[in-house]
């Protein structure tokens, strides 16, 4: 249609007095109806108490029901398992401070905070700031309580050692598969007499019988520590090295990942150091040659329909990034994985 006074008049008739919450596309109106109130009003993203992804806050304690939730977001402010720079204990607070991610996922056509029942239930209540074993026990107990109520747990760490006790809770009734996006395999052995550090959670989880290595894919792996990760391939994990990830290769990587995890229950673990330090310098073990944010989002979004039963985003250490980009990207990846959970068969089966 060529531009004309009549066309301008039509646009003025439709849009001149419309609010931001009045849309012509019925699909977009579906989202706007959940977010905007009368007069085009919506909550300011920078106001109120900060929560993960601006989800409603739920004060949860032992014995309190959260069974109405689809997904429980929670923080794990613990970094006693690091082998290099510490500081990821501040990761949950950093992600809560990010004031605008979502609410609409344009690629997956969903608004997970508004189309599921999601809440930020606070942080794991640790009994000690100094005891790694006790902290892992606290995490396992906390997540076991979430899982017992049929709710999907979605964590923000903290260092990557937190994934082992989470998997012990999620995989208590049978081993789960895993999509793992990271610079490191995290299947190393004991270092200086400690095997529950952040470089070995997935070796520990396999040996505990809660993670199925043959249904595990590790994506983005790179760096000089490759020589200590033989457990990954010897146990049957599929490893996709970072140097093999290109835009052209991503569709094949997605197909391979879907084939590896199949239809079974699957955990999603995202380490922020999977991203190149250009995008995420605020982490304890940065590795150059990593994923771009666009590549990471394409891979995550390609997992729509996976049978997700839990997940985490870990290793955001905000002190090393004064730009806050690392926390921004961590919050975005949290949003992307949460969006996947809206389509998880597990959620549908649990909540109908």
Protein backbone atom coordinates (compact mmCIF):
# COMPACT_ATOMS: atom_id res chain seq x y z
CA UNK A 1 0.00 0.00 0.00
CA UNK A 2 1.47 3.35 -0.99
CA UNK A 3 1.63 6.08 1.61
CA UNK A 4 -1.30 8.47 1.54
CA UNK A 5 -3.35 10.78 3.70
CA UNK A 6 -5.95 8.01 3.98
CA UNK A 7 -3.34 5.60 5.29
CA UNK A 8 -2.16 8.18 7.81
CA UNK A 9 -5.75 8.72 8.91
CA UNK A 10 -6.17 4.96 9.43
CA UNK A 11 -3.05 4.80 11.58
CA UNK A 12 -4.18 7.77 13.63
CA UNK A 13 -7.59 6.17 14.14
CA UNK A 14 -6.01 2.94 15.35
CA UNK A 15 -3.02 4.14 17.34
CA UNK A 16 -3.22 7.81 18.31
CA UNK A 17 -5.11 7.23 21.55
CA UNK A 18 -4.01 3.64 22.21
CA UNK A 19 -1.99 2.83 25.31
CA UNK A 20 1.11 0.65 25.41
CA UNK A 21 -1.08 -2.23 26.53
CA UNK A 22 -3.48 -2.05 23.57
CA UNK A 23 -2.16 -4.07 20.64
CA UNK A 24 -3.62 -5.17 17.33
CA UNK A 25 -1.94 -8.57 17.17
CA UNK A 26 -4.04 -10.97 19.32
CA UNK A 27 -0.97 -12.98 20.28
CA UNK A 28 0.83 -9.89 21.55
CA UNK A 29 -2.35 -8.72 23.27
CA UNK A 30 -2.33 -12.01 25.19
CA UNK A 31 1.01 -10.99 26.72
CA UNK A 32 0.04 -7.36 27.26
CA UNK A 33 -3.10 -8.41 29.15
CA UNK A 34 -0.92 -10.14 31.73
CA UNK A 35 1.48 -7.23 32.18
CA UNK A 36 -0.38 -3.95 31.71
CA UNK A 37 -3.19 -2.63 33.85
CA UNK A 38 -5.78 -0.04 32.90
CA UNK A 39 -4.38 3.05 31.24
CA UNK A 40 -1.24 1.32 29.99
CA UNK A 41 0.31 1.10 33.43
CA UNK A 42 2.87 -1.51 34.45
CA UNK A 43 5.27 -1.79 37.40
CA UNK A 44 8.50 0.15 37.07
CA UNK A 45 11.35 -2.36 36.68
CA UNK A 46 13.58 -0.33 39.00
CA UNK A 47 11.14 -0.11 41.91
CA UNK A 48 10.22 -2.43 44.73
CA UNK A 49 12.23 -5.21 46.34
CA UNK A 50 14.69 -6.78 43.86
CA UNK A 51 14.05 -10.44 43.05
CA UNK A 52 15.34 -12.86 40.47
CA UNK A 53 13.78 -11.84 37.12
CA UNK A 54 11.34 -9.61 39.04
CA UNK A 55 9.42 -12.72 40.07
CA UNK A 56 7.10 -12.42 43.07
CA UNK A 57 8.83 -13.06 46.37
CA UNK A 58 7.71 -16.04 48.44
CA UNK A 59 8.98 -16.37 51.99
CA UNK A 60 9.61 -20.11 52.20
CA UNK A 61 10.63 -22.11 55.22
CA UNK A 62 10.56 -25.79 56.07
CA UNK A 63 7.00 -27.05 56.47
CA UNK A 64 5.48 -24.31 54.29
CA UNK A 65 3.71 -25.37 51.11
CA UNK A 66 4.93 -24.05 47.76
CA UNK A 67 3.21 -26.80 45.80
CA UNK A 68 1.26 -24.25 43.75
CA UNK A 69 4.50 -23.12 42.08
CA UNK A 70 5.66 -24.38 38.71
CA UNK A 71 9.22 -23.17 39.27
CA UNK A 72 11.04 -21.99 42.38
CA UNK A 73 13.89 -19.56 41.75
CA UNK A 74 16.43 -19.48 44.57
CA UNK A 75 19.91 -18.23 45.35
CA UNK A 76 22.90 -20.26 46.48
CA UNK A 77 25.40 -17.67 47.78
CA UNK A 78 28.31 -20.04 48.39
CA UNK A 79 31.76 -20.20 46.74
CA UNK A 80 33.79 -22.36 49.09
CA UNK A 81 34.59 -24.76 46.24
CA UNK A 82 36.50 -22.40 43.93
CA UNK A 83 39.97 -23.20 42.58
CA UNK A 84 40.81 -19.70 41.33
CA UNK A 85 39.11 -16.35 42.01
CA UNK A 86 36.30 -16.31 44.56
CA UNK A 87 33.33 -13.94 44.68
CA UNK A 88 30.48 -15.91 43.09
CA UNK A 89 28.81 -15.94 46.51
CA UNK A 90 27.59 -12.50 45.42
CA UNK A 91 26.08 -13.90 42.22
CA UNK A 92 22.46 -14.18 43.44
CA UNK A 93 22.52 -10.61 44.73
CA UNK A 94 24.01 -9.37 41.46
CA UNK A 95 21.34 -11.07 39.36
CA UNK A 96 18.59 -9.74 41.59
CA UNK A 97 19.89 -6.22 40.96
CA UNK A 98 19.37 -6.53 37.18
CA UNK A 99 16.21 -4.54 36.68
CA UNK A 100 14.98 -5.49 33.23
CA UNK A 101 15.05 -8.94 31.62
CA UNK A 102 11.95 -10.14 29.82
CA UNK A 103 9.07 -10.41 30.49
CA UNK A 104 8.46 -11.61 26.91
CA UNK A 105 10.66 -14.18 25.17
CA UNK A 106 10.32 -13.26 21.52
CA UNK A 107 11.97 -16.45 20.21
CA UNK A 108 9.90 -18.88 22.29
CA UNK A 109 6.71 -16.75 22.34
CA UNK A 110 6.16 -16.91 26.08
CA UNK A 111 6.22 -14.77 29.20
CA UNK A 112 7.30 -17.32 31.82
CA UNK A 113 6.89 -15.19 34.93
CA UNK A 114 3.33 -14.35 33.87
CA UNK A 115 2.27 -17.61 32.24
CA UNK A 116 3.56 -19.93 34.95
CA UNK A 117 3.46 -19.70 38.73
CA UNK A 118 7.01 -18.66 39.57
CA UNK A 119 8.47 -17.17 42.73
CA UNK A 120 11.84 -16.18 44.13
CA UNK A 121 11.88 -18.16 47.38
CA UNK A 122 15.09 -16.61 48.70
CA UNK A 123 18.46 -18.18 49.42
CA UNK A 124 19.56 -21.53 50.79
CA UNK A 125 19.95 -20.96 54.56
CA UNK A 126 23.53 -21.98 55.19
CA UNK A 127 24.60 -23.06 58.66
CA UNK A 128 28.24 -22.10 58.10
CA UNK A 129 30.24 -19.70 55.96
CA UNK A 130 33.33 -21.88 56.33
CA UNK A 131 32.31 -25.53 55.93
CA UNK A 132 32.01 -26.79 52.34
CA UNK A 133 30.60 -30.22 53.28
CA UNK A 134 27.97 -28.68 55.54
CA UNK A 135 27.05 -26.18 52.84
CA UNK A 136 26.51 -28.95 50.31
CA UNK A 137 24.33 -30.80 52.81
CA UNK A 138 22.29 -27.61 53.32
CA UNK A 139 21.80 -27.26 49.56
CA UNK A 140 20.68 -30.87 49.15
CA UNK A 141 18.18 -30.57 51.99
CA UNK A 142 16.77 -27.29 50.62
CA UNK A 143 16.33 -28.62 47.08
CA UNK A 144 14.91 -31.92 48.32
CA UNK A 145 12.14 -29.87 49.94
CA UNK A 146 11.38 -28.16 46.63
CA UNK A 147 11.37 -31.38 44.63
CA UNK A 148 9.14 -33.11 47.19
CA UNK A 149 6.39 -30.59 46.40
CA UNK A 150 6.51 -31.26 42.65
CA UNK A 151 8.17 -27.92 41.90
CA UNK A 152 11.05 -27.38 39.44
CA UNK A 153 14.11 -25.91 41.22
CA UNK A 154 16.08 -23.22 39.35
CA UNK A 155 19.22 -22.03 41.14
CA UNK A 156 21.53 -19.05 40.88
CA UNK A 157 25.00 -19.68 42.28
CA UNK A 158 27.45 -19.61 43.71
CA UNK A 159 30.25 -21.75 42.36
CA UNK A 160 29.65 -24.82 40.23
CA UNK A 161 30.16 -27.24 43.11
CA UNK A 162 26.53 -26.50 44.06
CA UNK A 163 25.29 -28.60 41.12
CA UNK A 164 26.35 -31.85 42.79
CA UNK A 165 24.08 -31.58 45.86
CA UNK A 166 21.28 -30.23 43.66
CA UNK A 167 21.58 -33.26 41.39
CA UNK A 168 21.53 -35.53 44.44
CA UNK A 169 18.10 -34.07 45.24
CA UNK A 170 16.78 -33.95 41.67
CA UNK A 171 18.10 -37.41 40.77
CA UNK A 172 17.27 -39.14 44.04
CA UNK A 173 14.72 -41.44 42.39
CA UNK A 174 16.81 -42.15 39.31
CA UNK A 175 19.63 -40.56 37.32
CA UNK A 176 18.82 -37.59 35.12
CA UNK A 177 20.38 -36.41 31.88
CA UNK A 178 22.00 -33.01 31.54
CA UNK A 179 22.58 -30.14 29.13
CA UNK A 180 25.75 -28.49 30.38
CA UNK A 181 27.05 -25.27 28.80
CA UNK A 182 30.46 -24.36 30.19
CA UNK A 183 34.09 -23.65 29.39
CA UNK A 184 35.06 -26.59 31.59
CA UNK A 185 33.86 -30.20 31.87
CA UNK A 186 33.94 -30.07 35.69
CA UNK A 187 34.68 -33.77 35.88
CA UNK A 188 38.09 -33.53 37.55
CA UNK A 189 39.25 -35.56 40.51
CA UNK A 190 40.39 -34.63 43.99
CA UNK A 191 42.60 -31.56 44.37
CA UNK A 192 44.70 -31.23 47.52
CA UNK A 193 42.50 -33.75 49.30
CA UNK A 194 39.14 -32.18 48.32
CA UNK A 195 36.95 -33.79 45.64
CA UNK A 196 33.81 -31.68 46.08
CA UNK A 197 35.25 -28.51 44.52
CA UNK A 198 33.72 -26.69 41.54
CA UNK A 199 35.92 -28.58 39.08
CA UNK A 200 34.37 -31.98 39.80
CA UNK A 201 30.62 -31.87 40.48
CA UNK A 202 29.62 -33.97 37.50
CA UNK A 203 32.14 -36.76 38.13
CA UNK A 204 30.77 -36.89 41.68
CA UNK A 205 27.16 -36.89 40.46
CA UNK A 206 27.79 -39.76 38.04
CA UNK A 207 29.58 -41.81 40.70
CA UNK A 208 26.69 -41.15 43.10
CA UNK A 209 24.27 -42.57 40.51
CA UNK A 210 22.23 -39.38 40.12
CA UNK A 211 23.54 -38.25 36.70
CA UNK A 212 23.42 -40.42 33.57
CA UNK A 213 26.62 -39.71 31.62
CA UNK A 214 25.25 -41.25 28.42
CA UNK A 215 22.42 -38.68 28.51
CA UNK A 216 24.78 -35.78 29.22
CA UNK A 217 26.13 -33.27 26.69
CA UNK A 218 28.76 -30.67 27.54
CA UNK A 219 28.91 -27.67 25.19
CA UNK A 220 31.57 -24.97 24.84
CA UNK A 221 34.47 -26.82 26.46
CA UNK A 222 37.93 -25.30 25.98
CA UNK A 223 41.10 -24.27 27.76
CA UNK A 224 44.38 -25.72 28.97
CA UNK A 225 42.78 -28.04 31.54
CA UNK A 226 41.54 -30.54 28.95
CA UNK A 227 44.02 -33.15 30.16
CA UNK A 228 42.15 -33.59 33.49
CA UNK A 229 38.70 -34.20 31.98
CA UNK A 230 39.11 -37.72 30.62
CA UNK A 231 36.25 -38.87 32.89
CA UNK A 232 33.74 -37.07 30.65
CA UNK A 233 34.38 -39.10 27.51
CA UNK A 234 35.33 -42.34 29.31
CA UNK A 235 32.01 -42.29 31.17
CA UNK A 236 30.03 -41.74 27.97
CA UNK A 237 29.37 -37.99 28.03
CA UNK A 238 29.19 -36.12 24.72
CA UNK A 239 31.64 -33.20 24.63
CA UNK A 240 31.33 -30.32 22.14
CA UNK A 241 34.47 -28.21 22.18
CA UNK A 242 34.17 -24.45 21.97
CA UNK A 243 36.40 -24.26 18.91
CA UNK A 244 33.85 -26.28 16.94
CA UNK A 245 30.95 -23.93 17.66
CA UNK A 246 30.04 -21.62 14.80
CA UNK A 247 26.77 -20.11 13.69
CA UNK A 248 26.59 -22.71 10.93
CA UNK A 249 27.22 -25.58 13.34
CA UNK A 250 24.61 -24.61 15.93
CA UNK A 251 21.63 -26.40 14.30
CA UNK A 252 23.62 -29.64 14.25
CA UNK A 253 24.71 -29.12 17.87
CA UNK A 254 21.08 -28.65 18.87
CA UNK A 255 20.05 -31.82 17.04
CA UNK A 256 22.87 -33.74 18.68
CA UNK A 257 21.93 -32.45 22.13
CA UNK A 258 18.29 -33.39 21.63
CA UNK A 259 19.33 -36.89 20.58
CA UNK A 260 21.62 -37.28 23.59
CA UNK A 261 19.08 -36.24 26.24
CA UNK A 262 16.10 -37.89 24.57
CA UNK A 263 12.75 -37.61 26.33
CA UNK A 264 13.96 -38.41 29.83
CA UNK A 265 14.24 -36.08 32.81
CA UNK A 266 17.01 -33.56 32.19
CA UNK A 267 18.90 -30.96 34.21
CA UNK A 268 20.21 -27.74 32.62
CA UNK A 269 23.43 -26.27 34.01
CA UNK A 270 24.83 -22.99 32.62
CA UNK A 271 28.22 -21.70 33.74
CA UNK A 272 28.68 -18.04 32.86
CA UNK A 273 32.29 -18.73 31.91
CA UNK A 274 30.96 -20.56 28.85
CA UNK A 275 30.67 -17.05 27.42
CA UNK A 276 33.79 -15.38 26.14
CA UNK A 277 35.32 -12.96 28.68
CA UNK A 278 34.39 -10.17 26.28
CA UNK A 279 30.79 -10.82 27.39
CA UNK A 280 31.38 -12.17 30.89
CA UNK A 281 34.62 -11.04 32.54
CA UNK A 282 33.05 -11.30 35.99
CA UNK A 283 33.77 -14.92 36.75
CA UNK A 284 36.33 -16.95 38.64
CA UNK A 285 37.89 -18.94 35.78
CA UNK A 286 37.57 -16.97 32.53
CA UNK A 287 38.60 -18.73 29.30
CA UNK A 288 39.09 -16.88 26.03
CA UNK A 289 37.57 -18.26 22.84
CA UNK A 290 34.10 -18.70 24.29
CA UNK A 291 30.53 -18.39 23.13
CA UNK A 292 28.90 -15.13 22.20
CA UNK A 293 25.65 -14.29 23.95
CA UNK A 294 23.81 -14.77 20.66
CA UNK A 295 25.28 -18.27 20.19
CA UNK A 296 24.43 -19.26 23.75
CA UNK A 297 20.85 -18.05 23.40
CA UNK A 298 20.37 -19.94 20.12
CA UNK A 299 21.58 -23.17 21.72
CA UNK A 300 19.36 -22.73 24.77
CA UNK A 301 16.30 -21.83 22.72
CA UNK A 302 16.87 -24.91 20.58
CA UNK A 303 16.08 -27.06 23.62
CA UNK A 304 12.39 -26.08 23.67
CA UNK A 305 10.35 -29.13 24.65
CA UNK A 306 13.16 -30.82 26.58
CA UNK A 307 11.93 -32.59 29.70
CA UNK A 308 13.59 -30.23 32.19
CA UNK A 309 13.37 -31.04 35.90
CA UNK A 310 15.79 -28.42 37.23
CA UNK A 311 18.59 -26.05 36.38
CA UNK A 312 21.15 -23.54 37.48
CA UNK A 313 23.17 -20.51 36.38
CA UNK A 314 26.47 -20.32 38.21
CA UNK A 315 29.85 -18.59 38.62
CA UNK A 316 28.81 -14.93 38.26
CA UNK A 317 31.42 -13.07 40.34
CA UNK A 318 30.39 -9.43 40.03
CA UNK A 319 33.48 -7.90 41.65
CA UNK A 320 35.48 -8.57 38.48
CA UNK A 321 33.06 -6.72 36.20
CA UNK A 322 32.32 -3.06 37.00
CA UNK A 323 30.15 -2.82 33.86
CA UNK A 324 27.61 -5.35 35.33
CA UNK A 325 27.47 -7.03 31.89
CA UNK A 326 28.24 -10.43 33.40
CA UNK A 327 25.26 -10.21 35.74
CA UNK A 328 23.10 -8.89 32.90
CA UNK A 329 24.03 -11.84 30.72
CA UNK A 330 23.60 -14.26 33.62
CA UNK A 331 20.09 -12.94 34.22
CA UNK A 332 19.31 -13.29 30.51
CA UNK A 333 20.45 -16.92 30.47
CA UNK A 334 18.38 -17.55 33.60
CA UNK A 335 15.37 -16.12 31.77
CA UNK A 336 16.03 -18.27 28.71
CA UNK A 337 16.22 -21.49 30.74
CA UNK A 338 13.14 -20.51 32.75
CA UNK A 339 11.33 -19.98 29.44
CA UNK A 340 12.19 -23.55 28.43
CA UNK A 341 10.62 -24.81 31.65
CA UNK A 342 7.25 -23.46 30.53
CA UNK A 343 7.29 -26.12 27.79
CA UNK A 344 8.78 -28.96 29.83
CA UNK A 345 6.66 -32.15 29.79
CA UNK A 346 7.60 -32.57 33.44
CA UNK A 347 5.85 -29.32 34.36
CA UNK A 348 2.80 -30.24 32.29
CA UNK A 349 2.57 -33.64 33.92
CA UNK A 350 2.97 -32.20 37.41
CA UNK A 351 0.63 -29.23 37.10
CA UNK A 352 -1.68 -30.15 34.22
